[in-house]
Protein backbone atom coordinates (compact mmCIF):
# COMPACT_ATOMS: atom_id res chain seq x y z
CA UNK A 1 0.00 0.00 0.00
CA UNK A 2 1.58 3.23 -1.15
CA UNK A 3 -0.17 5.45 1.40
CA UNK A 4 1.25 3.38 4.28
CA UNK A 5 4.77 3.90 2.98
CA UNK A 6 4.06 7.60 2.58
CA UNK A 7 2.65 7.73 6.14
CA UNK A 8 5.81 6.12 7.52
CA UNK A 9 7.93 8.77 5.84
CA UNK A 10 5.58 11.76 6.37
CA UNK A 11 3.09 11.15 9.22
CA UNK A 12 -0.29 12.83 8.88
CA UNK A 13 -3.67 12.75 10.59
CA UNK A 14 -5.22 13.90 13.86
CA UNK A 15 -2.52 12.51 16.14
CA UNK A 16 0.18 14.33 14.19
CA UNK A 17 -1.80 17.57 14.27
CA UNK A 18 -2.33 17.22 18.04
CA UNK A 19 1.40 16.63 18.49
CA UNK A 20 2.35 19.69 16.42
CA UNK A 21 -0.17 21.96 18.15
CA UNK A 22 0.90 20.63 21.57
CA UNK A 23 4.52 21.40 20.73
CA UNK A 24 3.57 24.94 19.72
CA UNK A 25 1.56 25.45 22.94
CA UNK A 26 4.48 24.12 24.98
CA UNK A 27 6.91 26.46 23.21
CA UNK A 28 4.78 29.57 23.74
CA UNK A 29 3.87 28.72 27.35
CA UNK A 30 7.46 28.06 28.35
CA UNK A 31 8.63 31.24 26.60
CA UNK A 32 6.23 33.52 28.51
CA UNK A 33 6.04 31.76 31.88
CA UNK A 34 7.46 33.38 34.98
CA UNK A 35 10.79 32.23 36.35
CA UNK A 36 9.21 30.74 39.48
CA UNK A 37 6.76 28.50 37.59
CA UNK A 38 7.74 25.08 36.32
CA UNK A 39 8.02 24.49 32.58
CA UNK A 40 5.15 22.51 31.07
CA UNK A 41 5.85 19.13 29.52
CA UNK A 42 4.36 18.00 26.22
CA UNK A 43 2.73 15.01 27.96
CA UNK A 44 0.79 17.40 30.22
CA UNK A 45 -0.73 19.03 27.15
CA UNK A 46 -1.43 15.90 25.11
CA UNK A 47 -2.67 13.76 28.01
CA UNK A 48 -4.35 15.98 30.64
CA UNK A 49 -5.41 14.37 33.92
CA UNK A 50 -8.81 12.68 33.88
CA UNK A 51 -11.47 14.36 36.02
CA UNK A 52 -14.02 12.16 37.78
CA UNK A 53 -17.70 12.52 36.90
CA UNK A 54 -18.54 13.74 40.44
CA UNK A 55 -15.87 16.48 40.22
CA UNK A 56 -17.10 17.49 36.78
CA UNK A 57 -20.71 17.80 37.98
CA UNK A 58 -19.66 19.74 41.09
CA UNK A 59 -17.61 22.11 38.91
CA UNK A 60 -20.54 22.67 36.54
CA UNK A 61 -22.90 23.40 39.44
CA UNK A 62 -20.42 25.84 41.00
CA UNK A 63 -20.03 27.58 37.64
CA UNK A 64 -23.79 27.93 37.20
CA UNK A 65 -24.19 29.18 40.78
CA UNK A 66 -21.55 31.84 40.09
CA UNK A 67 -23.32 32.89 36.90
CA UNK A 68 -26.65 33.18 38.76
CA UNK A 69 -24.98 35.19 41.54
CA UNK A 70 -23.48 37.53 38.96
CA UNK A 71 -26.88 38.02 37.34
CA UNK A 72 -25.73 36.57 34.03
CA UNK A 73 -28.35 33.81 33.90
CA UNK A 74 -31.73 33.19 35.48
CA UNK A 75 -31.98 30.39 38.04
CA UNK A 76 -34.86 28.17 36.94
CA UNK A 77 -34.30 25.44 39.50
CA UNK A 78 -37.13 26.79 41.64
CA UNK A 79 -39.49 26.90 38.65
CA UNK A 80 -39.32 23.18 37.86
CA UNK A 81 -42.60 21.31 37.61
CA UNK A 82 -43.24 19.24 40.68
């Protein structure tokens, strides 16, 4: 298969694009970071830590509560049909 030989020589696809963009993010972040912060590793960009479902829900609820408190959205939780 010709495309497989081409892929071995010149990788393409989503993984390659993620790798290139991650490298660019790493380069920019490390160039502008403060001296007291640790440099970011490429693995931290490509493979971020997994957040549990409970933490994700709690974060979403806290975000919505903050939006309601700021007057940005209307809280409809009290208007639900019972």
